[in-house]
Amino acid sequence: MKKPEKQTDELRAEYKREDFGVMVRGKYAKRCKEASNIVVLDPDVQQAFPNTQTVNDALRGLLGLARAVKLKTPRTRHS
């Protein structure tokens, strides 16, 4: 097995560190978290819904059922 060449942590001569401005760790972490929609399924649920399509189909069916039941129930009056 060939050993990887040792990398140096130096910028090329044409680049200067001050050209890059202030670097902040995690600068976009909050924006990324707000923009993402990741849901972690429990193992038993994952077995029943192995991919995105099956999860979306099941949830759409549940939404349709919820809407149908809501339409058929009488409205309650608030005094």
N, C-alpha and C. Protein backbone atom coordinates (compact mmCIF):
# COMPACT_ATOMS: atom_id res chain seq x y z
N MET A 1 0.84 -1.18 0.00
CA MET A 1 0.00 0.00 0.00
C MET A 1 0.88 1.24 0.00
N LYS A 2 0.57 2.14 -0.91
CA LYS A 2 1.36 3.36 -1.04
C LYS A 2 0.91 4.37 0.00
N LYS A 3 1.86 4.96 0.68
CA LYS A 3 1.56 5.98 1.68
C LYS A 3 1.21 7.30 0.98
N PRO A 4 0.18 7.99 1.47
CA PRO A 4 -0.16 9.28 0.86
C PRO A 4 0.94 10.30 1.12
N GLU A 5 1.10 11.19 0.16
CA GLU A 5 2.11 12.23 0.32
C GLU A 5 1.69 13.16 1.45
N LYS A 6 2.68 13.63 2.17
CA LYS A 6 2.41 14.54 3.28
C LYS A 6 1.97 15.88 2.73
N GLN A 7 0.81 16.37 3.19
CA GLN A 7 0.31 17.65 2.72
C GLN A 7 0.77 18.76 3.65
N THR A 8 1.12 19.86 3.05
CA THR A 8 1.50 21.01 3.86
C THR A 8 0.30 21.94 3.96
N ASP A 9 0.20 22.64 5.03
CA ASP A 9 -0.91 23.55 5.27
C ASP A 9 -0.47 24.97 4.94
N GLU A 10 -0.04 25.15 3.70
CA GLU A 10 0.42 26.46 3.28
C GLU A 10 -0.38 26.91 2.06
N LEU A 11 -0.60 28.21 1.98
CA LEU A 11 -1.28 28.77 0.83
C LEU A 11 -0.31 28.91 -0.33
N ARG A 12 -0.86 28.91 -1.52
CA ARG A 12 -0.02 29.17 -2.68
C ARG A 12 0.56 30.58 -2.57
N ALA A 13 1.62 30.82 -3.27
CA ALA A 13 2.30 32.12 -3.19
C ALA A 13 1.39 33.27 -3.62
N GLU A 14 0.47 33.02 -4.58
CA GLU A 14 -0.38 34.11 -5.07
C GLU A 14 -1.52 34.46 -4.11
N TYR A 15 -1.75 33.62 -3.09
CA TYR A 15 -2.80 33.90 -2.12
C TYR A 15 -2.20 34.41 -0.82
N LYS A 16 -2.90 35.32 -0.21
CA LYS A 16 -2.48 35.81 1.10
C LYS A 16 -3.62 35.58 2.08
N ARG A 17 -3.34 35.25 3.28
CA ARG A 17 -4.34 34.96 4.30
C ARG A 17 -5.29 36.14 4.49
N GLU A 18 -4.77 37.32 4.48
CA GLU A 18 -5.62 38.50 4.71
C GLU A 18 -6.61 38.76 3.58
N ASP A 19 -6.43 38.12 2.42
CA ASP A 19 -7.39 38.26 1.31
C ASP A 19 -8.72 37.58 1.62
N PHE A 20 -8.74 36.67 2.57
CA PHE A 20 -9.94 35.88 2.86
C PHE A 20 -10.82 36.47 3.95
N GLY A 21 -10.41 37.51 4.62
CA GLY A 21 -11.22 38.13 5.66
C GLY A 21 -11.27 37.27 6.91
N VAL A 22 -12.20 37.61 7.78
CA VAL A 22 -12.35 36.92 9.05
C VAL A 22 -13.08 35.60 8.82
N MET A 23 -12.54 34.53 9.32
CA MET A 23 -13.18 33.23 9.19
C MET A 23 -13.88 32.88 10.50
N VAL A 24 -15.12 32.42 10.39
CA VAL A 24 -15.92 32.10 11.57
C VAL A 24 -16.36 30.66 11.45
N ARG A 25 -16.12 29.87 12.47
CA ARG A 25 -16.52 28.48 12.47
C ARG A 25 -18.04 28.38 12.65
N GLY A 26 -18.70 27.60 11.81
CA GLY A 26 -20.14 27.40 11.93
C GLY A 26 -20.97 28.60 11.49
N LYS A 27 -20.41 29.43 10.65
CA LYS A 27 -21.08 30.67 10.23
C LYS A 27 -22.46 30.41 9.63
N TYR A 28 -22.62 29.35 8.87
CA TYR A 28 -23.87 29.06 8.19
C TYR A 28 -24.64 27.90 8.83
N ALA A 29 -24.24 27.45 9.99
CA ALA A 29 -24.87 26.30 10.63
C ALA A 29 -26.35 26.54 10.93
N LYS A 30 -26.69 27.70 11.45
CA LYS A 30 -28.09 28.00 11.79
C LYS A 30 -28.95 28.02 10.53
N ARG A 31 -28.46 28.67 9.47
CA ARG A 31 -29.20 28.75 8.21
C ARG A 31 -29.41 27.34 7.63
N CYS A 32 -28.40 26.52 7.70
CA CYS A 32 -28.49 25.16 7.17
C CYS A 32 -29.51 24.35 7.97
N LYS A 33 -29.50 24.52 9.28
CA LYS A 33 -30.44 23.79 10.14
C LYS A 33 -31.88 24.20 9.84
N GLU A 34 -32.10 25.49 9.62
CA GLU A 34 -33.45 25.99 9.33
C GLU A 34 -33.93 25.53 7.96
N ALA A 35 -33.02 25.39 7.02
CA ALA A 35 -33.38 25.03 5.65
C ALA A 35 -33.54 23.53 5.45
N SER A 36 -32.99 22.74 6.36
CA SER A 36 -33.07 21.29 6.18
C SER A 36 -34.31 20.73 6.85
N ASN A 37 -34.74 19.58 6.38
CA ASN A 37 -35.93 18.95 6.91
C ASN A 37 -35.63 17.46 7.08
N ILE A 38 -34.78 17.17 8.03
CA ILE A 38 -34.36 15.79 8.26
C ILE A 38 -35.16 15.22 9.42
N VAL A 39 -35.71 14.04 9.19
CA VAL A 39 -36.47 13.34 10.21
C VAL A 39 -35.80 11.98 10.43
N VAL A 40 -35.53 11.63 11.66
CA VAL A 40 -34.91 10.36 11.98
C VAL A 40 -35.99 9.39 12.43
N LEU A 41 -36.11 8.28 11.73
CA LEU A 41 -37.12 7.28 12.05
C LEU A 41 -36.57 6.24 13.01
N ASP A 42 -37.43 5.75 13.88
CA ASP A 42 -37.05 4.64 14.75
C ASP A 42 -36.89 3.39 13.90
N PRO A 43 -36.07 2.44 14.35
CA PRO A 43 -35.80 1.25 13.54
C PRO A 43 -37.05 0.49 13.09
N ASP A 44 -38.06 0.35 13.96
CA ASP A 44 -39.25 -0.39 13.58
C ASP A 44 -40.05 0.34 12.49
N VAL A 45 -40.06 1.66 12.55
CA VAL A 45 -40.75 2.45 11.53
C VAL A 45 -39.96 2.40 10.22
N GLN A 46 -38.65 2.41 10.33
CA GLN A 46 -37.79 2.36 9.15
C GLN A 46 -38.00 1.06 8.37
N GLN A 47 -38.25 -0.02 9.06
CA GLN A 47 -38.50 -1.29 8.38
C GLN A 47 -39.81 -1.24 7.58
N ALA A 48 -40.80 -0.56 8.11
CA ALA A 48 -42.09 -0.46 7.41
C ALA A 48 -42.03 0.53 6.25
N PHE A 49 -41.19 1.55 6.36
CA PHE A 49 -41.07 2.59 5.35
C PHE A 49 -39.60 2.73 4.95
N PRO A 50 -39.14 1.90 4.03
CA PRO A 50 -37.71 1.84 3.72
C PRO A 50 -37.16 2.98 2.86
N ASN A 51 -38.05 3.81 2.27
CA ASN A 51 -37.52 4.89 1.43
C ASN A 51 -38.43 6.12 1.51
N THR A 52 -37.97 7.19 0.91
CA THR A 52 -38.68 8.47 0.95
C THR A 52 -40.08 8.37 0.35
N GLN A 53 -40.18 7.68 -0.76
CA GLN A 53 -41.47 7.57 -1.45
C GLN A 53 -42.53 6.93 -0.57
N THR A 54 -42.20 5.84 0.12
CA THR A 54 -43.20 5.17 0.96
C THR A 54 -43.60 6.03 2.16
N VAL A 55 -42.66 6.76 2.70
CA VAL A 55 -42.98 7.66 3.82
C VAL A 55 -43.92 8.76 3.35
N ASN A 56 -43.59 9.39 2.22
CA ASN A 56 -44.43 10.46 1.70
C ASN A 56 -45.82 9.97 1.32
N ASP A 57 -45.91 8.79 0.70
CA ASP A 57 -47.22 8.22 0.34
C ASP A 57 -48.07 7.98 1.58
N ALA A 58 -47.46 7.41 2.62
CA ALA A 58 -48.20 7.12 3.85
C ALA A 58 -48.67 8.41 4.52
N LEU A 59 -47.81 9.41 4.57
CA LEU A 59 -48.20 10.68 5.20
C LEU A 59 -49.28 11.40 4.40
N ARG A 60 -49.19 11.34 3.08
CA ARG A 60 -50.25 11.96 2.26
C ARG A 60 -51.58 11.25 2.47
N GLY A 61 -51.53 9.93 2.58
CA GLY A 61 -52.75 9.18 2.87
C GLY A 61 -53.34 9.56 4.21
N LEU A 62 -52.49 9.72 5.20
CA LEU A 62 -52.94 10.12 6.53
C LEU A 62 -53.54 11.53 6.50
N LEU A 63 -52.92 12.43 5.77
CA LEU A 63 -53.47 13.78 5.64
C LEU A 63 -54.83 13.76 4.95
N GLY A 64 -54.96 12.95 3.92
CA GLY A 64 -56.24 12.84 3.23
C GLY A 64 -57.32 12.30 4.15
N LEU A 65 -56.98 11.31 4.94
CA LEU A 65 -57.92 10.74 5.89
C LEU A 65 -58.31 11.77 6.95
N ALA A 66 -57.35 12.50 7.45
CA ALA A 66 -57.62 13.53 8.46
C ALA A 66 -58.54 14.61 7.90
N ARG A 67 -58.31 15.00 6.66
CA ARG A 67 -59.17 16.02 6.04
C ARG A 67 -60.58 15.49 5.84
N ALA A 68 -60.70 14.24 5.42
CA ALA A 68 -62.02 13.65 5.19
C ALA A 68 -62.81 13.54 6.49
N VAL A 69 -62.16 13.14 7.55
CA VAL A 69 -62.83 13.01 8.85
C VAL A 69 -63.20 14.39 9.37
N LYS A 70 -62.34 15.37 9.19
CA LYS A 70 -62.61 16.72 9.67
C LYS A 70 -63.81 17.32 8.93
N LEU A 71 -63.96 17.05 7.65
CA LEU A 71 -65.07 17.59 6.88
C LEU A 71 -66.41 17.00 7.32
N LYS A 72 -66.41 15.76 7.78
CA LYS A 72 -67.65 15.08 8.14
C LYS A 72 -68.10 15.34 9.57
N THR A 73 -67.23 15.89 10.40
CA THR A 73 -67.61 16.14 11.79
C THR A 73 -68.32 17.48 11.89
N PRO A 74 -69.35 17.59 12.76
CA PRO A 74 -70.05 18.86 12.90
C PRO A 74 -69.14 19.92 13.53
N ARG A 75 -69.35 21.14 13.12
CA ARG A 75 -68.56 22.23 13.70
C ARG A 75 -69.08 22.53 15.09
N THR A 76 -68.15 22.86 15.96
CA THR A 76 -68.55 23.23 17.32
C THR A 76 -68.69 24.73 17.41
N ARG A 77 -69.64 25.15 18.20
CA ARG A 77 -69.87 26.57 18.39
C ARG A 77 -69.17 27.03 19.64
N HIS A 78 -68.56 28.18 19.55
CA HIS A 78 -67.92 28.78 20.73
C HIS A 78 -68.81 29.90 21.23
N SER A 79 -69.17 29.87 22.51
CA SER A 79 -70.05 30.91 23.06
C SER A 79 -69.30 32.11 23.48
